[in-house]
Amino acid sequence: MSDFPPVPLTLEGASTLHQFFRFDWKAWRVVQSAERTRMVTEFAAVLGSLEKDAAGKVHTALFSQLGHKGDLILLHFRDSFEALNAVELQLAQTALYDYLDLRHSYVSVVELGLYESTRKTYEAAAAKGLAQHSPEWNAEVAASLERGAEAMKPRLWPSVPDAKYLCFYPMDRKRDEVRNWYTVPFAERQRMMHEHGMIGRRYAEVVRQIITGSIGMDDWEWGVDLFADDPVVFKKLIYEMRFDEVSAEYALFGQFFLALRMGIDKLSAWTEGKP
């Protein structure tokens, strides 16, 4: 394995945008009731048009955020970044958007890391005597990725899970003078990621996890979305993962955001302070 390229293969799917808003309650309270109704009705209609794709999958979802970091979260999955930009622009044309202060956002793409299949693919190419990065090597890798993309299509192009709670956080792998994930030999990284993944599998029945890659797209390397009906499960899962080697030695975490799923039909009541 020391002779193989150090970079694991990945599969990419849906382009993803998280939007974190602060609602201007002070300005909202002085707006006349009829005008508030008009603006909420318009915004809800736009959200309704964005909520599902042609196949009926939910690819825009609304959340009521807990804590001081914001009030509302919008999560969007699309088939391209151009489509995400169109969503941003469409929302910005609504009257209610003037009362939404975009405090934070996160741009990324659904990513599946392929440490184990990468090793198999590289070993198969080497066994055939293919030179690294030669046309024949590249064809072998491309064929492997194509098979994987077809098999993993539901995970690469997900619907927003139907769960009560969302937990989102960004993360990096350490690369400093003491610990540098990117200088660890491939086989060691593969072993650690396998052990890390086994913890997540134990929670698979109660937590849905969607990992998005953001290297070159946003300030962190990955974004993590967790969906569950019981928010305490987030604490238990993340706490247990802190003890595994890859997290304890090589992980850096950004801010955590916790929110409740909210139906678009509940937006009017929410703007009146009713959960």
Protein backbone atom coordinates (compact mmCIF):
# COMPACT_ATOMS: atom_id res chain seq x y z
CA MET A 1 0.00 0.00 0.00
CA SER A 2 2.93 2.37 0.51
CA ASP A 3 3.39 2.42 -3.26
CA PHE A 4 -0.20 3.44 -3.95
CA PRO A 5 -1.50 7.03 -4.24
CA PRO A 6 -2.26 8.36 -0.74
CA VAL A 7 -5.60 9.91 -1.69
CA PRO A 8 -8.69 7.75 -1.10
CA LEU A 9 -11.32 7.67 -3.80
CA THR A 10 -14.62 9.41 -3.14
CA LEU A 11 -18.07 9.49 -4.67
CA GLU A 12 -19.92 12.79 -4.95
CA GLY A 13 -23.65 13.39 -5.22
CA ALA A 14 -26.06 16.17 -4.32
CA SER A 15 -24.88 19.76 -4.08
CA THR A 16 -25.82 21.00 -0.63
CA LEU A 17 -26.52 24.37 0.95
CA HIS A 18 -27.28 25.12 4.59
CA GLN A 19 -28.68 28.59 5.37
CA PHE A 20 -28.83 29.88 8.96
CA PHE A 21 -31.04 32.91 9.56
CA ARG A 22 -31.75 35.31 12.38
CA PHE A 23 -35.33 36.58 12.21
CA ASP A 24 -35.85 40.32 12.81
CA TRP A 25 -38.60 40.01 15.42
CA LYS A 26 -38.44 43.70 16.40
CA ALA A 27 -39.11 44.91 12.87
CA TRP A 28 -41.69 42.19 12.31
CA ARG A 29 -43.83 43.18 15.28
CA VAL A 30 -44.57 46.64 13.88
CA VAL A 31 -45.82 45.29 10.53
CA GLN A 32 -49.59 45.28 10.15
CA SER A 33 -51.28 41.91 10.45
CA ALA A 34 -52.60 41.81 6.88
CA GLU A 35 -49.14 42.57 5.49
CA ARG A 36 -47.54 39.91 7.67
CA THR A 37 -50.06 37.40 6.36
CA ARG A 38 -49.32 38.38 2.78
CA MET A 39 -45.56 38.01 3.21
CA VAL A 40 -45.78 34.66 5.01
CA THR A 41 -48.19 33.30 2.41
CA GLU A 42 -45.84 34.33 -0.39
CA PHE A 43 -42.76 32.87 1.31
CA ALA A 44 -44.54 29.61 2.16
CA ALA A 45 -45.67 29.28 -1.45
CA VAL A 46 -42.10 29.67 -2.67
CA LEU A 47 -40.85 27.13 -0.12
CA GLY A 48 -43.60 24.76 -1.18
CA SER A 49 -42.45 25.00 -4.79
CA LEU A 50 -38.88 24.26 -3.70
CA GLU A 51 -39.64 21.49 -1.21
CA LYS A 52 -39.79 18.43 -3.49
CA ASP A 53 -38.11 17.42 -6.71
CA ALA A 54 -39.83 15.88 -9.72
CA ALA A 55 -39.59 12.43 -8.13
CA GLY A 56 -41.24 13.61 -4.93
CA LYS A 57 -38.11 13.55 -2.78
CA VAL A 58 -37.86 16.31 -0.19
CA HIS A 59 -34.84 18.40 -1.18
CA THR A 60 -35.59 21.63 0.71
CA ALA A 61 -36.50 21.50 4.41
CA LEU A 62 -37.25 24.12 7.05
CA PHE A 63 -36.08 23.95 10.67
CA SER A 64 -36.66 26.06 13.77
CA GLN A 65 -33.27 26.55 15.40
CA LEU A 66 -32.57 26.33 19.12
CA GLY A 67 -30.22 28.71 20.92
CA HIS A 68 -28.70 32.11 20.26
CA LYS A 69 -27.00 31.32 16.94
CA GLY A 70 -30.12 31.83 14.86
CA ASP A 71 -33.83 31.25 14.40
CA LEU A 72 -34.36 29.34 11.16
CA ILE A 73 -32.36 26.86 9.10
CA LEU A 74 -33.01 25.96 5.50
CA LEU A 75 -31.38 22.81 4.11
CA HIS A 76 -31.25 22.33 0.35
CA PHE A 77 -30.12 19.33 -1.75
CA ARG A 78 -29.85 19.93 -5.50
CA ASP A 79 -28.28 18.31 -8.55
CA SER A 80 -25.87 21.22 -9.16
CA PHE A 81 -24.47 24.37 -7.61
CA GLU A 82 -26.23 26.36 -10.31
CA ALA A 83 -29.52 25.01 -8.97
CA LEU A 84 -28.54 25.99 -5.43
CA ASN A 85 -27.74 29.51 -6.58
CA ALA A 86 -31.15 29.70 -8.24
CA VAL A 87 -32.75 28.72 -4.91
CA GLU A 88 -30.86 31.49 -3.11
CA LEU A 89 -31.93 34.07 -5.65
CA GLN A 90 -35.56 32.94 -5.65
CA LEU A 91 -35.83 33.17 -1.88
CA ALA A 92 -34.15 36.59 -1.87
CA GLN A 93 -36.92 38.03 -4.05
CA THR A 94 -39.61 37.44 -1.42
CA ALA A 95 -40.78 40.20 0.89
CA LEU A 96 -40.25 38.08 4.02
CA TYR A 97 -36.56 37.72 3.13
CA ASP A 98 -36.07 41.34 4.22
CA TYR A 99 -36.70 40.14 7.79
CA LEU A 100 -34.23 37.24 7.51
CA ASP A 101 -30.62 38.02 8.40
CA LEU A 102 -28.37 35.33 6.92
CA ARG A 103 -25.90 34.79 9.77
CA HIS A 104 -24.15 31.72 8.40
CA SER A 105 -24.20 29.32 5.48
CA TYR A 106 -22.43 26.16 4.42
CA VAL A 107 -21.75 24.95 0.88
CA SER A 108 -20.74 21.34 0.23
CA VAL A 109 -21.47 18.19 -1.75
CA VAL A 110 -22.69 14.82 -0.51
CA GLU A 111 -19.60 12.62 -0.24
CA LEU A 112 -18.97 8.94 0.37
CA GLY A 113 -15.41 8.09 1.36
CA LEU A 114 -14.17 4.83 -0.12
CA TYR A 115 -11.14 3.76 1.89
CA GLU A 116 -11.83 0.04 1.67
CA SER A 117 -12.90 -0.05 -1.97
CA THR A 118 -10.02 2.28 -2.85
CA ARG A 119 -7.57 -0.31 -1.57
CA LYS A 120 -9.28 -3.07 -3.56
CA THR A 121 -9.33 -0.95 -6.70
CA TYR A 122 -5.67 0.00 -6.42
CA GLU A 123 -4.63 -3.57 -5.68
CA ALA A 124 -6.61 -4.86 -8.66
CA ALA A 125 -4.99 -2.28 -10.94
CA ALA A 126 -1.52 -3.13 -9.61
CA ALA A 127 -2.15 -6.85 -10.06
CA LYS A 128 -2.80 -6.18 -13.75
CA GLY A 129 0.54 -4.43 -13.99
CA LEU A 130 -1.00 -1.02 -14.70
CA ALA A 131 1.19 2.01 -14.14
CA GLN A 132 -0.23 4.58 -11.75
CA HIS A 133 -2.15 7.37 -13.47
CA SER A 134 -1.70 5.78 -16.89
CA PRO A 135 -4.77 5.76 -19.18
CA GLU A 136 -5.33 2.10 -18.30
CA TRP A 137 -5.03 2.81 -14.55
CA ASN A 138 -7.42 5.75 -14.83
CA ALA A 139 -9.91 3.61 -16.75
CA GLU A 140 -9.79 0.93 -14.03
CA VAL A 141 -10.45 3.56 -11.35
CA ALA A 142 -13.23 5.22 -13.37
CA ALA A 143 -14.98 1.88 -13.87
CA SER A 144 -14.82 1.18 -10.15
CA LEU A 145 -16.26 4.60 -9.32
CA GLU A 146 -19.03 4.16 -11.86
CA ARG A 147 -20.08 0.87 -10.30
CA GLY A 148 -19.97 2.41 -6.85
CA ALA A 149 -21.99 5.45 -7.88
CA GLU A 150 -24.75 3.25 -9.26
CA ALA A 151 -24.84 1.05 -6.16
CA MET A 152 -24.80 4.04 -3.79
CA LYS A 153 -27.21 6.28 -5.72
CA PRO A 154 -29.79 6.53 -2.89
CA ARG A 155 -27.10 7.72 -0.48
CA LEU A 156 -25.52 10.11 -2.96
CA TRP A 157 -28.82 11.75 -3.88
CA PRO A 158 -30.76 11.69 -0.61
CA SER A 159 -34.11 13.03 0.42
CA VAL A 160 -34.09 15.12 3.61
CA PRO A 161 -34.82 12.45 6.25
CA ASP A 162 -38.18 12.61 7.96
CA ALA A 163 -36.91 13.11 11.50
CA LYS A 164 -37.85 15.56 14.23
CA TYR A 165 -34.37 16.92 14.98
CA LEU A 166 -31.35 18.07 12.98
CA CYS A 167 -27.79 18.39 14.28
CA PHE A 168 -25.26 19.99 11.93
CA TYR A 169 -21.57 20.63 12.48
CA PRO A 170 -18.46 21.11 10.31
CA MET A 171 -15.17 19.35 10.94
CA ASP A 172 -11.55 19.03 9.83
CA ARG A 173 -8.77 16.51 10.13
CA LYS A 174 -5.74 17.80 12.04
CA ARG A 175 -2.66 18.79 10.09
CA ASP A 176 -0.32 20.48 12.52
CA GLU A 177 3.20 19.93 13.86
CA VAL A 178 2.08 17.14 16.20
CA ARG A 179 -0.71 15.37 14.31
CA ASN A 180 -1.15 15.41 10.54
CA TRP A 181 -3.84 13.12 9.13
CA TYR A 182 -2.55 13.65 5.62
CA THR A 183 0.86 12.17 6.36
CA VAL A 184 -0.49 9.00 8.00
CA PRO A 185 0.04 5.93 5.77
CA PHE A 186 -3.02 4.88 3.78
CA ALA A 187 -3.41 1.51 5.50
CA GLU A 188 -3.46 3.16 8.94
CA ARG A 189 -6.05 5.70 7.85
CA GLN A 190 -8.15 2.89 6.38
CA ARG A 191 -8.02 0.95 9.65
CA MET A 192 -9.00 3.97 11.75
CA MET A 193 -11.85 4.94 9.43
CA HIS A 194 -13.20 1.40 9.52
CA GLU A 195 -13.26 1.42 13.32
CA HIS A 196 -14.85 4.87 13.29
CA GLY A 197 -17.53 3.72 10.88
CA MET A 198 -18.43 0.71 13.00
CA ILE A 199 -19.57 3.04 15.80
CA GLY A 200 -21.89 4.87 13.43
CA ARG A 201 -23.38 1.60 12.23
CA ARG A 202 -24.44 0.74 15.75
CA TYR A 203 -26.63 3.86 15.76
CA ALA A 204 -27.99 3.35 12.25
CA GLU A 205 -31.50 2.50 13.42
CA VAL A 206 -31.93 5.75 15.37
CA VAL A 207 -29.70 8.27 13.55
CA ARG A 208 -29.50 9.05 9.84
CA GLN A 209 -26.13 10.55 8.93
CA ILE A 210 -25.28 12.50 5.77
CA ILE A 211 -21.65 13.53 5.23
CA THR A 212 -20.83 16.32 2.79
CA GLY A 213 -17.39 17.27 1.53
CA SER A 214 -16.44 20.94 1.42
CA ILE A 215 -12.70 21.12 0.70
CA GLY A 216 -12.28 24.07 -1.65
CA MET A 217 -15.94 25.01 -1.18
CA ASP A 218 -16.21 26.29 2.40
CA ASP A 219 -14.09 26.95 5.49
CA TRP A 220 -14.07 23.38 6.83
CA GLU A 221 -13.31 20.07 5.15
CA TRP A 222 -16.57 18.25 5.84
CA GLY A 223 -20.07 18.98 7.05
CA VAL A 224 -22.04 16.44 9.09
CA ASP A 225 -25.83 16.29 9.24
CA LEU A 226 -27.44 14.01 11.82
CA PHE A 227 -31.19 13.38 11.83
CA ALA A 228 -33.08 11.71 14.70
CA ASP A 229 -36.34 11.79 16.62
CA ASP A 230 -34.49 11.93 19.95
CA PRO A 231 -31.85 14.69 20.25
CA VAL A 232 -30.11 12.95 23.16
CA VAL A 233 -28.97 10.32 20.66
CA PHE A 234 -26.75 12.98 19.03
CA LYS A 235 -24.94 13.45 22.33
CA LYS A 236 -24.46 9.73 22.84
CA LEU A 237 -23.22 9.06 19.31
CA ILE A 238 -20.80 11.99 19.16
CA TYR A 239 -19.55 11.34 22.69
CA GLU A 240 -18.80 7.70 21.91
CA MET A 241 -17.04 8.66 18.70
CA ARG A 242 -14.77 11.06 20.63
CA PHE A 243 -13.13 8.00 22.16
CA ASP A 244 -12.15 6.32 18.90
CA GLU A 245 -8.67 6.94 17.53
CA VAL A 246 -9.52 8.95 14.44
CA SER A 247 -11.60 11.44 16.45
CA ALA A 248 -9.45 11.54 19.58
CA GLU A 249 -6.22 12.07 17.66
CA TYR A 250 -7.14 13.74 14.38
CA ALA A 251 -10.53 15.52 14.55
CA LEU A 252 -11.32 19.22 14.89
CA PHE A 253 -14.94 20.34 15.24
CA GLY A 254 -16.66 23.61 14.45
CA GLN A 255 -19.86 24.99 15.92
CA PHE A 256 -22.83 22.71 16.48
CA PHE A 257 -26.33 23.71 15.34
CA LEU A 258 -29.47 22.03 16.70
CA ALA A 259 -32.92 22.51 15.20
CA LEU A 260 -36.46 21.14 15.05
CA ARG A 261 -38.03 20.15 11.73
CA MET A 262 -40.91 22.48 10.88
CA GLY A 263 -43.57 21.94 8.25
CA ILE A 264 -44.00 24.80 5.81
CA ASP A 265 -47.64 24.98 6.90
CA LYS A 266 -46.43 25.89 10.41
CA LEU A 267 -44.48 28.96 9.28
CA SER A 268 -47.36 31.38 9.83
CA ALA A 269 -47.81 30.25 13.44
CA TRP A 270 -44.04 30.37 13.97
CA THR A 271 -43.90 34.03 12.90
CA GLU A 272 -46.52 34.70 15.59
CA GLY A 273 -44.37 33.06 18.26
CA LYS A 274 -46.27 29.78 18.32
CA PRO A 275 -44.29 26.51 17.99
